[in-house]
């Protein structure tokens, strides 16, 4: 069941990047949202098929999302960067827990 958060984050990143593009004509927002969303989608696919490094890949995408959107959220206080950085923090915590559980059998 831990593939569902990865798929949800993939959709949210794609939607967030699209909103950034529509509101501000920001092509980097669109590319980043779709790119990070694709990484989440691939991680969810690996988790669902019980393949190696799915949780680690989702953790990397979460960390990238947090470190990319965190400073922008603090600087602008705009709703989309704040929401995306909050989701990045929550998903990083979740996937780090899942990575630990998978690695050490807890």
PDB file of N, CA and C in Angstrom:
ATOM      1  N   UNK A   1       0.801  -1.199   0.000  1.00  0.00           N
ATOM      2  CA  UNK A   1       0.000   0.000   0.000  1.00  0.00           C
ATOM      3  C   UNK A   1       0.847   1.268   0.000  1.00  0.00           C
ATOM      4  N   UNK A   2       2.135   1.140   0.187  1.00  0.00           N
ATOM      5  CA  UNK A   2       2.946   2.355   0.263  1.00  0.00           C
ATOM      6  C   UNK A   2       3.236   2.952  -1.110  1.00  0.00           C
ATOM      7  N   UNK A   3       2.703   2.348  -2.163  1.00  0.00           N
ATOM      8  CA  UNK A   3       2.860   2.955  -3.478  1.00  0.00           C
ATOM      9  C   UNK A   3       1.836   4.060  -3.697  1.00  0.00           C
ATOM     10  N   UNK A   4       0.741   4.058  -2.953  1.00  0.00           N
ATOM     11  CA  UNK A   4      -0.280   5.085  -3.118  1.00  0.00           C
ATOM     12  C   UNK A   4       0.233   6.496  -2.827  1.00  0.00           C
ATOM     13  N   UNK A   5       1.001   6.716  -1.753  1.00  0.00           N
ATOM     14  CA  UNK A   5       1.529   8.067  -1.544  1.00  0.00           C
ATOM     15  C   UNK A   5       2.452   8.529  -2.675  1.00  0.00           C
ATOM     16  N   UNK A   6       3.202   7.613  -3.253  1.00  0.00           N
ATOM     17  CA  UNK A   6       4.085   7.997  -4.356  1.00  0.00           C
ATOM     18  C   UNK A   6       3.272   8.424  -5.572  1.00  0.00           C
ATOM     19  N   UNK A   7       2.223   7.684  -5.878  1.00  0.00           N
ATOM     20  CA  UNK A   7       1.362   8.057  -7.006  1.00  0.00           C
ATOM     21  C   UNK A   7       0.623   9.366  -6.726  1.00  0.00           C
ATOM     22  N   UNK A   8       0.194   9.555  -5.493  1.00  0.00           N
ATOM     23  CA  UNK A   8      -0.484  10.809  -5.130  1.00  0.00           C
ATOM     24  C   UNK A   8       0.463  11.992  -5.265  1.00  0.00           C
ATOM     25  N   UNK A   9       1.698  11.819  -4.821  1.00  0.00           N
ATOM     26  CA  UNK A   9       2.674  12.900  -4.942  1.00  0.00           C
ATOM     27  C   UNK A   9       3.010  13.174  -6.406  1.00  0.00           C
ATOM     28  N   UNK A  10       3.010  12.137  -7.228  1.00  0.00           N
ATOM     29  CA  UNK A  10       3.249  12.332  -8.663  1.00  0.00           C
ATOM     30  C   UNK A  10       2.170  13.224  -9.253  1.00  0.00           C
ATOM     31  N   UNK A  11       0.927  12.943  -8.921  1.00  0.00           N
ATOM     32  CA  UNK A  11      -0.180  13.751  -9.439  1.00  0.00           C
ATOM     33  C   UNK A  11      -0.126  15.173  -8.899  1.00  0.00           C
ATOM     34  N   UNK A  12       0.152  15.324  -7.610  1.00  0.00           N
ATOM     35  CA  UNK A  12       0.199  16.662  -7.016  1.00  0.00           C
ATOM     36  C   UNK A  12       1.342  17.500  -7.576  1.00  0.00           C
ATOM     37  N   UNK A  13       2.484  16.882  -7.819  1.00  0.00           N
ATOM     38  CA  UNK A  13       3.600  17.630  -8.409  1.00  0.00           C
ATOM     39  C   UNK A  13       3.281  18.064  -9.831  1.00  0.00           C
ATOM     40  N   UNK A  14       2.664  17.185 -10.587  1.00  0.00           N
ATOM     41  CA  UNK A  14       2.292  17.545 -11.957  1.00  0.00           C
ATOM     42  C   UNK A  14       1.270  18.675 -11.956  1.00  0.00           C
ATOM     43  N   UNK A  15       0.296  18.611 -11.064  1.00  0.00           N
ATOM     44  CA  UNK A  15      -0.711  19.674 -10.968  1.00  0.00           C
ATOM     45  C   UNK A  15      -0.075  20.972 -10.480  1.00  0.00           C
ATOM     46  N   UNK A  16       0.804  20.885  -9.494  1.00  0.00           N
ATOM     47  CA  UNK A  16       1.481  22.081  -8.979  1.00  0.00           C
ATOM     48  C   UNK A  16       2.343  22.754 -10.036  1.00  0.00           C
ATOM     49  N   UNK A  17       3.058  21.977 -10.805  1.00  0.00           N
ATOM     50  CA  UNK A  17       3.864  22.537 -11.888  1.00  0.00           C
ATOM     51  C   UNK A  17       3.009  23.169 -12.965  1.00  0.00           C
ATOM     52  N   UNK A  18       1.878  22.551 -13.240  1.00  0.00           N
ATOM     53  CA  UNK A  18       0.954  23.105 -14.229  1.00  0.00           C
ATOM     54  C   UNK A  18       0.347  24.405 -13.739  1.00  0.00           C
ATOM     55  N   UNK A  19      -0.012  24.471 -12.471  1.00  0.00           N
ATOM     56  CA  UNK A  19      -0.542  25.716 -11.899  1.00  0.00           C
ATOM     57  C   UNK A  19       0.510  26.813 -11.966  1.00  0.00           C
ATOM     58  N   UNK A  20       1.757  26.478 -11.648  1.00  0.00           N
ATOM     59  CA  UNK A  20       2.838  27.459 -11.737  1.00  0.00           C
ATOM     60  C   UNK A  20       3.018  27.978 -13.148  1.00  0.00           C
ATOM     61  N   UNK A  21       2.826  27.111 -14.118  1.00  0.00           N
ATOM     62  CA  UNK A  21       2.959  27.533 -15.513  1.00  0.00           C
ATOM     63  C   UNK A  21       1.777  28.406 -15.937  1.00  0.00           C
ATOM     64  N   UNK A  22       0.580  28.006 -15.567  1.00  0.00           N
ATOM     65  CA  UNK A  22      -0.610  28.754 -15.978  1.00  0.00           C
ATOM     66  C   UNK A  22      -0.648  30.132 -15.323  1.00  0.00           C
ATOM     67  N   UNK A  23      -0.322  30.203 -14.030  1.00  0.00           N
ATOM     68  CA  UNK A  23      -0.405  31.481 -13.322  1.00  0.00           C
ATOM     69  C   UNK A  23       0.731  32.424 -13.686  1.00  0.00           C
ATOM     70  N   UNK A  24       1.931  31.903 -13.809  1.00  0.00           N
ATOM     71  CA  UNK A  24       3.079  32.780 -14.014  1.00  0.00           C
ATOM     72  C   UNK A  24       3.824  32.566 -15.313  1.00  0.00           C
ATOM     73  N   UNK A  25       3.311  31.725 -16.192  1.00  0.00           N
ATOM     74  CA  UNK A  25       4.001  31.396 -17.445  1.00  0.00           C
ATOM     75  C   UNK A  25       5.435  30.933 -17.180  1.00  0.00           C
ATOM     76  N   UNK A  26       5.576  30.168 -16.096  1.00  0.00           N
ATOM     77  CA  UNK A  26       6.893  29.693 -15.687  1.00  0.00           C
ATOM     78  C   UNK A  26       7.139  28.304 -16.262  1.00  0.00           C
ATOM     79  N   UNK A  27       7.913  28.253 -17.319  1.00  0.00           N
ATOM     80  CA  UNK A  27       8.257  26.971 -17.920  1.00  0.00           C
ATOM     81  C   UNK A  27       9.104  26.119 -16.968  1.00  0.00           C
ATOM     82  N   UNK A  28      10.021  26.707 -16.166  1.00  0.00           N
ATOM     83  CA  UNK A  28      10.757  25.881 -15.197  1.00  0.00           C
ATOM     84  C   UNK A  28       9.833  25.210 -14.174  1.00  0.00           C
ATOM     85  N   UNK A  29       8.760  25.883 -13.770  1.00  0.00           N
ATOM     86  CA  UNK A  29       7.814  25.261 -12.843  1.00  0.00           C
ATOM     87  C   UNK A  29       7.150  24.049 -13.480  1.00  0.00           C
ATOM     88  N   UNK A  30       6.757  24.191 -14.717  1.00  0.00           N
ATOM     89  CA  UNK A  30       6.124  23.088 -15.426  1.00  0.00           C
ATOM     90  C   UNK A  30       7.090  21.912 -15.570  1.00  0.00           C
ATOM     91  N   UNK A  31       8.307  22.193 -15.997  1.00  0.00           N
ATOM     92  CA  UNK A  31       9.289  21.121 -16.202  1.00  0.00           C
ATOM     93  C   UNK A  31       9.654  20.439 -14.876  1.00  0.00           C
ATOM     94  N   UNK A  32       9.824  21.234 -13.826  1.00  0.00           N
ATOM     95  CA  UNK A  32      10.165  20.654 -12.525  1.00  0.00           C
ATOM     96  C   UNK A  32       9.012  19.831 -11.974  1.00  0.00           C
ATOM     97  N   UNK A  33       7.793  20.346 -12.087  1.00  0.00           N
ATOM     98  CA  UNK A  33       6.635  19.606 -11.597  1.00  0.00           C
ATOM     99  C   UNK A  33       6.451  18.293 -12.330  1.00  0.00           C
ATOM    100  N   UNK A  34       6.567  18.329 -13.638  1.00  0.00           N
ATOM    101  CA  UNK A  34       6.424  17.098 -14.418  1.00  0.00           C
ATOM    102  C   UNK A  34       7.605  16.154 -14.194  1.00  0.00           C
ATOM    103  N   UNK A  35       8.804  16.712 -14.043  1.00  0.00           N
ATOM    104  CA  UNK A  35       9.994  15.884 -13.815  1.00  0.00           C
ATOM    105  C   UNK A  35       9.961  15.180 -12.472  1.00  0.00           C
ATOM    106  N   UNK A  36       9.677  15.925 -11.410  1.00  0.00           N
ATOM    107  CA  UNK A  36       9.605  15.313 -10.079  1.00  0.00           C
ATOM    108  C   UNK A  36       8.407  14.371 -10.002  1.00  0.00           C
ATOM    109  N   UNK A  37       7.317  14.751 -10.660  1.00  0.00           N
ATOM    110  CA  UNK A  37       6.158  13.863 -10.717  1.00  0.00           C
ATOM    111  C   UNK A  37       6.484  12.545 -11.402  1.00  0.00           C
ATOM    112  N   UNK A  38       7.294  12.607 -12.458  1.00  0.00           N
ATOM    113  CA  UNK A  38       7.697  11.385 -13.153  1.00  0.00           C
ATOM    114  C   UNK A  38       8.563  10.499 -12.254  1.00  0.00           C
ATOM    115  N   UNK A  39       9.428  11.122 -11.451  1.00  0.00           N
ATOM    116  CA  UNK A  39      10.265  10.336 -10.530  1.00  0.00           C
ATOM    117  C   UNK A  39       9.391   9.657  -9.476  1.00  0.00           C
ATOM    118  N   UNK A  40       8.413  10.397  -8.943  1.00  0.00           N
ATOM    119  CA  UNK A  40       7.478   9.795  -7.984  1.00  0.00           C
ATOM    120  C   UNK A  40       6.700   8.642  -8.625  1.00  0.00           C
ATOM    121  N   UNK A  41       6.244   8.843  -9.856  1.00  0.00           N
ATOM    122  CA  UNK A  41       5.487   7.803 -10.538  1.00  0.00           C
ATOM    123  C   UNK A  41       6.340   6.539 -10.711  1.00  0.00           C
ATOM    124  N   UNK A  42       7.595   6.720 -11.128  1.00  0.00           N
ATOM    125  CA  UNK A  42       8.492   5.583 -11.316  1.00  0.00           C
ATOM    126  C   UNK A  42       8.775   4.895  -9.980  1.00  0.00           C
ATOM    127  N   UNK A  43       8.930   5.692  -8.924  1.00  0.00           N
ATOM    128  CA  UNK A  43       9.152   5.113  -7.601  1.00  0.00           C
ATOM    129  C   UNK A  43       7.928   4.316  -7.164  1.00  0.00           C
ATOM    130  N   UNK A  44       6.736   4.851  -7.411  1.00  0.00           N
ATOM    131  CA  UNK A  44       5.514   4.126  -7.066  1.00  0.00           C
ATOM    132  C   UNK A  44       5.393   2.821  -7.824  1.00  0.00           C
ATOM    133  N   UNK A  45       5.801   2.844  -9.079  1.00  0.00           N
ATOM    134  CA  UNK A  45       5.787   1.633  -9.889  1.00  0.00           C
ATOM    135  C   UNK A  45       6.742   0.585  -9.320  1.00  0.00           C
ATOM    136  N   UNK A  46       7.933   1.010  -8.915  1.00  0.00           N
ATOM    137  CA  UNK A  46       8.914   0.083  -8.333  1.00  0.00           C
ATOM    138  C   UNK A  46       8.418  -0.466  -6.992  1.00  0.00           C
ATOM    139  N   UNK A  47       7.773   0.396  -6.197  1.00  0.00           N
ATOM    140  CA  UNK A  47       7.246  -0.057  -4.904  1.00  0.00           C
ATOM    141  C   UNK A  47       6.123  -1.068  -5.129  1.00  0.00           C
ATOM    142  N   UNK A  48       5.243  -0.762  -6.071  1.00  0.00           N
ATOM    143  CA  UNK A  48       4.102  -1.633  -6.342  1.00  0.00           C
ATOM    144  C   UNK A  48       4.541  -3.009  -6.836  1.00  0.00           C
ATOM    145  N   UNK A  49       5.605  -3.052  -7.625  1.00  0.00           N
ATOM    146  CA  UNK A  49       6.114  -4.321  -8.150  1.00  0.00           C
ATOM    147  C   UNK A  49       7.101  -4.989  -7.206  1.00  0.00           C
ATOM    148  N   UNK A  50       7.292  -4.394  -6.021  1.00  0.00           N
ATOM    149  CA  UNK A  50       8.191  -4.933  -5.003  1.00  0.00           C
ATOM    150  C   UNK A  50       9.632  -5.018  -5.493  1.00  0.00           C
ATOM    151  N   UNK A  51      10.061  -4.037  -6.267  1.00  0.00           N
ATOM    152  CA  UNK A  51      11.431  -3.988  -6.752  1.00  0.00           C
ATOM    153  C   UNK A  51      12.287  -3.162  -5.792  1.00  0.00           C
ATOM    154  N   UNK A  52      13.596  -3.296  -5.949  1.00  0.00           N
ATOM    155  CA  UNK A  52      14.522  -2.581  -5.080  1.00  0.00           C
ATOM    156  C   UNK A  52      14.510  -1.081  -5.353  1.00  0.00           C
ATOM    157  N   UNK A  53      14.837  -0.323  -4.320  1.00  0.00           N
ATOM    158  CA  UNK A  53      15.085   1.113  -4.368  1.00  0.00           C
ATOM    159  C   UNK A  53      13.878   1.979  -4.724  1.00  0.00           C
ATOM    160  N   UNK A  54      12.670   1.473  -4.562  1.00  0.00           N
ATOM    161  CA  UNK A  54      11.490   2.290  -4.801  1.00  0.00           C
ATOM    162  C   UNK A  54      11.313   3.359  -3.735  1.00  0.00           C
ATOM    163  N   UNK A  55      11.428   2.953  -2.472  1.00  0.00           N
ATOM    164  CA  UNK A  55      11.276   3.914  -1.382  1.00  0.00           C
ATOM    165  C   UNK A  55      12.419   4.931  -1.371  1.00  0.00           C
ATOM    166  N   UNK A  56      13.612   4.469  -1.694  1.00  0.00           N
ATOM    167  CA  UNK A  56      14.752   5.377  -1.730  1.00  0.00           C
ATOM    168  C   UNK A  56      14.590   6.420  -2.837  1.00  0.00           C
ATOM    169  N   UNK A  57      14.060   6.006  -3.958  1.00  0.00           N
ATOM    170  CA  UNK A  57      13.817   6.927  -5.068  1.00  0.00           C
ATOM    171  C   UNK A  57      12.744   7.953  -4.703  1.00  0.00           C
ATOM    172  N   UNK A  58      11.692   7.500  -4.036  1.00  0.00           N
ATOM    173  CA  UNK A  58      10.648   8.422  -3.580  1.00  0.00           C
ATOM    174  C   UNK A  58      11.192   9.381  -2.523  1.00  0.00           C
ATOM    175  N   UNK A  59      12.082   8.903  -1.668  1.00  0.00           N
ATOM    176  CA  UNK A  59      12.715   9.769  -0.675  1.00  0.00           C
ATOM    177  C   UNK A  59      13.582  10.825  -1.347  1.00  0.00           C
ATOM    178  N   UNK A  60      14.294  10.442  -2.385  1.00  0.00           N
ATOM    179  CA  UNK A  60      15.117  11.411  -3.124  1.00  0.00           C
ATOM    180  C   UNK A  60      14.238  12.470  -3.787  1.00  0.00           C
ATOM    181  N   UNK A  61      13.117  12.053  -4.362  1.00  0.00           N
ATOM    182  CA  UNK A  61      12.199  13.008  -4.985  1.00  0.00           C
ATOM    183  C   UNK A  61      11.600  13.936  -3.934  1.00  0.00           C
ATOM    184  N   UNK A  62      11.272  13.403  -2.765  1.00  0.00           N
ATOM    185  CA  UNK A  62      10.727  14.220  -1.681  1.00  0.00           C
ATOM    186  C   UNK A  62      11.744  15.247  -1.204  1.00  0.00           C
ATOM    187  N   UNK A  63      12.981  14.819  -1.063  1.00  0.00           N
ATOM    188  CA  UNK A  63      14.035  15.738  -0.633  1.00  0.00           C
ATOM    189  C   UNK A  63      14.270  16.828  -1.670  1.00  0.00           C
ATOM    190  N   UNK A  64      14.273  16.447  -2.931  1.00  0.00           N
ATOM    191  CA  UNK A  64      14.435  17.422  -4.001  1.00  0.00           C
ATOM    192  C   UNK A  64      13.294  18.427  -3.997  1.00  0.00           C
ATOM    193  N   UNK A  65      12.082  17.942  -3.825  1.00  0.00           N
ATOM    194  CA  UNK A  65      10.918  18.829  -3.766  1.00  0.00           C
ATOM    195  C   UNK A  65      11.025  19.781  -2.578  1.00  0.00           C
ATOM    196  N   UNK A  66      11.399  19.274  -1.438  1.00  0.00           N
ATOM    197  CA  UNK A  66      11.524  20.108  -0.241  1.00  0.00           C
ATOM    198  C   UNK A  66      12.597  21.172  -0.414  1.00  0.00           C
ATOM    199  N   UNK A  67      13.763  20.794  -0.907  1.00  0.00           N
ATOM    200  CA  UNK A  67      14.852  21.749  -1.032  1.00  0.00           C
ATOM    201  C   UNK A  67      14.653  22.724  -2.191  1.00  0.00           C
ATOM    202  N   UNK A  68      13.847  22.351  -3.166  1.00  0.00           N
ATOM    203  CA  UNK A  68      13.554  23.272  -4.268  1.00  0.00           C
ATOM    204  C   UNK A  68      12.454  24.263  -3.893  1.00  0.00           C
ATOM    205  N   UNK A  69      11.424  23.784  -3.205  1.00  0.00           N
ATOM    206  CA  UNK A  69      10.273  24.633  -2.919  1.00  0.00           C
ATOM    207  C   UNK A  69      10.360  25.334  -1.570  1.00  0.00           C
ATOM    208  N   UNK A  70      11.139  24.819  -0.640  1.00  0.00           N
ATOM    209  CA  UNK A  70      11.243  25.423   0.693  1.00  0.00           C
ATOM    210  C   UNK A  70      11.680  26.875   0.679  1.00  0.00           C
ATOM    211  N   UNK A  71      12.803  27.194   0.035  1.00  0.00           N
ATOM    212  CA  UNK A  71      13.226  28.603   0.008  1.00  0.00           C
ATOM    213  C   UNK A  71      12.227  29.517  -0.704  1.00  0.00           C
ATOM    214  N   UNK A  72      11.611  29.027  -1.770  1.00  0.00           N
ATOM    215  CA  UNK A  72      10.617  29.836  -2.473  1.00  0.00           C
ATOM    216  C   UNK A  72       9.385  30.052  -1.598  1.00  0.00           C
ATOM    217  N   UNK A  73       8.996  29.046  -0.842  1.00  0.00           N
ATOM    218  CA  UNK A  73       7.856  29.183   0.059  1.00  0.00           C
ATOM    219  C   UNK A  73       8.139  30.202   1.149  1.00  0.00           C
ATOM    220  N   UNK A  74       9.346  30.173   1.691  1.00  0.00           N
ATOM    221  CA  UNK A  74       9.705  31.141   2.724  1.00  0.00           C
ATOM    222  C   UNK A  74       9.798  32.560   2.171  1.00  0.00           C
ATOM    223  N   UNK A  75      10.272  32.674   0.952  1.00  0.00           N
ATOM    224  CA  UNK A  75      10.465  33.989   0.342  1.00  0.00           C
ATOM    225  C   UNK A  75       9.148  34.622  -0.108  1.00  0.00           C
ATOM    226  N   UNK A  76       8.289  33.862  -0.748  1.00  0.00           N
ATOM    227  CA  UNK A  76       7.097  34.444  -1.358  1.00  0.00           C
ATOM    228  C   UNK A  76       5.823  34.255  -0.539  1.00  0.00           C
ATOM    229  N   UNK A  77       5.759  33.226   0.290  1.00  0.00           N
ATOM    230  CA  UNK A  77       4.556  32.880   1.047  1.00  0.00           C
ATOM    231  C   UNK A  77       3.348  32.613   0.137  1.00  0.00           C
ATOM    232  N   UNK A  78       3.613  32.267  -1.105  1.00  0.00           N
ATOM    233  CA  UNK A  78       2.543  31.944  -2.046  1.00  0.00           C
ATOM    234  C   UNK A  78       1.965  30.568  -1.694  1.00  0.00           C
ATOM    235  N   UNK A  79       0.677  30.346  -1.956  1.00  0.00           N
ATOM    236  CA  UNK A  79       0.050  29.099  -1.518  1.00  0.00           C
ATOM    237  C   UNK A  79       0.630  27.828  -2.154  1.00  0.00           C
ATOM    238  N   UNK A  80       0.934  27.857  -3.438  1.00  0.00           N
ATOM    239  CA  UNK A  80       1.420  26.634  -4.092  1.00  0.00           C
ATOM    240  C   UNK A  80       2.810  26.247  -3.580  1.00  0.00           C
ATOM    241  N   UNK A  81       3.785  27.149  -3.506  1.00  0.00           N
ATOM    242  CA  UNK A  81       5.077  26.727  -2.945  1.00  0.00           C
ATOM    243  C   UNK A  81       4.998  26.282  -1.482  1.00  0.00           C
ATOM    244  N   UNK A  82       4.151  26.937  -0.698  1.00  0.00           N
ATOM    245  CA  UNK A  82       3.992  26.527   0.706  1.00  0.00           C
ATOM    246  C   UNK A  82       3.395  25.120   0.770  1.00  0.00           C
ATOM    247  N   UNK A  83       2.370  24.870  -0.030  1.00  0.00           N
ATOM    248  CA  UNK A  83       1.743  23.545  -0.030  1.00  0.00           C
ATOM    249  C   UNK A  83       2.719  22.477  -0.517  1.00  0.00           C
ATOM    250  N   UNK A  84       3.453  22.776  -1.577  1.00  0.00           N
ATOM    251  CA  UNK A  84       4.370  21.770  -2.123  1.00  0.00           C
ATOM    252  C   UNK A  84       5.532  21.496  -1.167  1.00  0.00           C
ATOM    253  N   UNK A  85       6.035  22.531  -0.491  1.00  0.00           N
ATOM    254  CA  UNK A  85       7.128  22.281   0.458  1.00  0.00           C
ATOM    255  C   UNK A  85       6.627  21.525   1.683  1.00  0.00           C
ATOM    256  N   UNK A  86       5.399  21.791   2.102  1.00  0.00           N
ATOM    257  CA  UNK A  86       4.812  21.036   3.210  1.00  0.00           C
ATOM    258  C   UNK A  86       4.616  19.573   2.823  1.00  0.00           C
ATOM    259  N   UNK A  87       4.110  19.346   1.619  1.00  0.00           N
ATOM    260  CA  UNK A  87       3.961  17.970   1.141  1.00  0.00           C
ATOM    261  C   UNK A  87       5.314  17.284   0.984  1.00  0.00           C
ATOM    262  N   UNK A  88       6.325  18.032   0.545  1.00  0.00           N
ATOM    263  CA  UNK A  88       7.669  17.469   0.436  1.00  0.00           C
ATOM    264  C   UNK A  88       8.213  17.041   1.786  1.00  0.00           C
ATOM    265  N   UNK A  89       7.942  17.843   2.809  1.00  0.00           N
ATOM    266  CA  UNK A  89       8.392  17.502   4.159  1.00  0.00           C
ATOM    267  C   UNK A  89       7.690  16.246   4.667  1.00  0.00           C
ATOM    268  N   UNK A  90       6.378  16.214   4.496  1.00  0.00           N
ATOM    269  CA  UNK A  90       5.609  15.058   4.979  1.00  0.00           C
ATOM    270  C   UNK A  90       5.992  13.778   4.231  1.00  0.00           C
ATOM    271  N   UNK A  91       6.143  13.882   2.921  1.00  0.00           N
ATOM    272  CA  UNK A  91       6.488  12.672   2.165  1.00  0.00           C
ATOM    273  C   UNK A  91       7.932  12.245   2.430  1.00  0.00           C
ATOM    274  N   UNK A  92       8.825  13.193   2.689  1.00  0.00           N
ATOM    275  CA  UNK A  92      10.201  12.821   3.040  1.00  0.00           C
ATOM    276  C   UNK A  92      10.218  12.053   4.365  1.00  0.00           C
ATOM    277  N   UNK A  93       9.414  12.512   5.317  1.00  0.00           N
ATOM    278  CA  UNK A  93       9.340  11.798   6.595  1.00  0.00           C
ATOM    279  C   UNK A  93       8.763  10.396   6.396  1.00  0.00           C
ATOM    280  N   UNK A  94       7.706  10.293   5.616  1.00  0.00           N
ATOM    281  CA  UNK A  94       7.070   8.994   5.379  1.00  0.00           C
ATOM    282  C   UNK A  94       8.018   8.032   4.658  1.00  0.00           C
ATOM    283  N   UNK A  95       8.636   8.482   3.580  1.00  0.00           N
ATOM    284  CA  UNK A  95       9.481   7.580   2.809  1.00  0.00           C
ATOM    285  C   UNK A  95      10.802   7.281   3.514  1.00  0.00           C
ATOM    286  N   UNK A  96      11.273   8.160   4.385  1.00  0.00           N
ATOM    287  CA  UNK A  96      12.470   7.812   5.163  1.00  0.00           C
ATOM    288  C   UNK A  96      12.120   6.719   6.168  1.00  0.00           C
ATOM    289  N   UNK A  97      10.915   6.783   6.754  1.00  0.00           N
ATOM    290  CA  UNK A  97      10.465   5.727   7.659  1.00  0.00           C
ATOM    291  C   UNK A  97      10.330   4.399   6.918  1.00  0.00           C
ATOM    292  N   UNK A  98       9.731   4.423   5.730  1.00  0.00           N
ATOM    293  CA  UNK A  98       9.562   3.198   4.953  1.00  0.00           C
ATOM    294  C   UNK A  98      10.915   2.629   4.499  1.00  0.00           C
ATOM    295  N   UNK A  99      11.842   3.506   4.142  1.00  0.00           N
ATOM    296  CA  UNK A  99      13.178   3.051   3.753  1.00  0.00           C
ATOM    297  C   UNK A  99      13.871   2.360   4.921  1.00  0.00           C
ATOM    298  N   UNK A 100      13.756   2.962   6.097  1.00  0.00           N
ATOM    299  CA  UNK A 100      14.349   2.367   7.294  1.00  0.00           C
ATOM    300  C   UNK A 100      13.725   1.004   7.597  1.00  0.00           C
ATOM    301  N   UNK A 101      12.395   0.929   7.499  1.00  0.00           N
ATOM    302  CA  UNK A 101      11.714  -0.333   7.765  1.00  0.00           C
ATOM    303  C   UNK A 101      12.135  -1.419   6.767  1.00  0.00           C
ATOM    304  N   UNK A 102      12.260  -1.064   5.515  1.00  0.00           N
ATOM    305  CA  UNK A 102      12.651  -2.050   4.499  1.00  0.00           C
ATOM    306  C   UNK A 102      14.094  -2.500   4.675  1.00  0.00           C
ATOM    307  N   UNK A 103      14.951  -1.565   5.043  1.00  0.00           N
ATOM    308  CA  UNK A 103      16.370  -1.890   5.133  1.00  0.00           C
ATOM    309  C   UNK A 103      16.669  -2.734   6.367  1.00  0.00           C
ATOM    310  N   UNK A 104      16.030  -2.393   7.499  1.00  0.00           N
ATOM    311  CA  UNK A 104      16.373  -3.066   8.752  1.00  0.00           C
ATOM    312  C   UNK A 104      15.301  -4.038   9.235  1.00  0.00           C
ATOM    313  N   UNK A 105      14.256  -4.233   8.437  1.00  0.00           N
ATOM    314  CA  UNK A 105      13.249  -5.228   8.775  1.00  0.00           C
ATOM    315  C   UNK A 105      12.436  -4.933  10.005  1.00  0.00           C
ATOM    316  N   UNK A 106      12.208  -3.691  10.267  1.00  0.00           N
ATOM    317  CA  UNK A 106      11.435  -3.306  11.470  1.00  0.00           C
ATOM    318  C   UNK A 106       9.972  -3.399  11.177  1.00  0.00           C
TER     319      UNK A 106
END
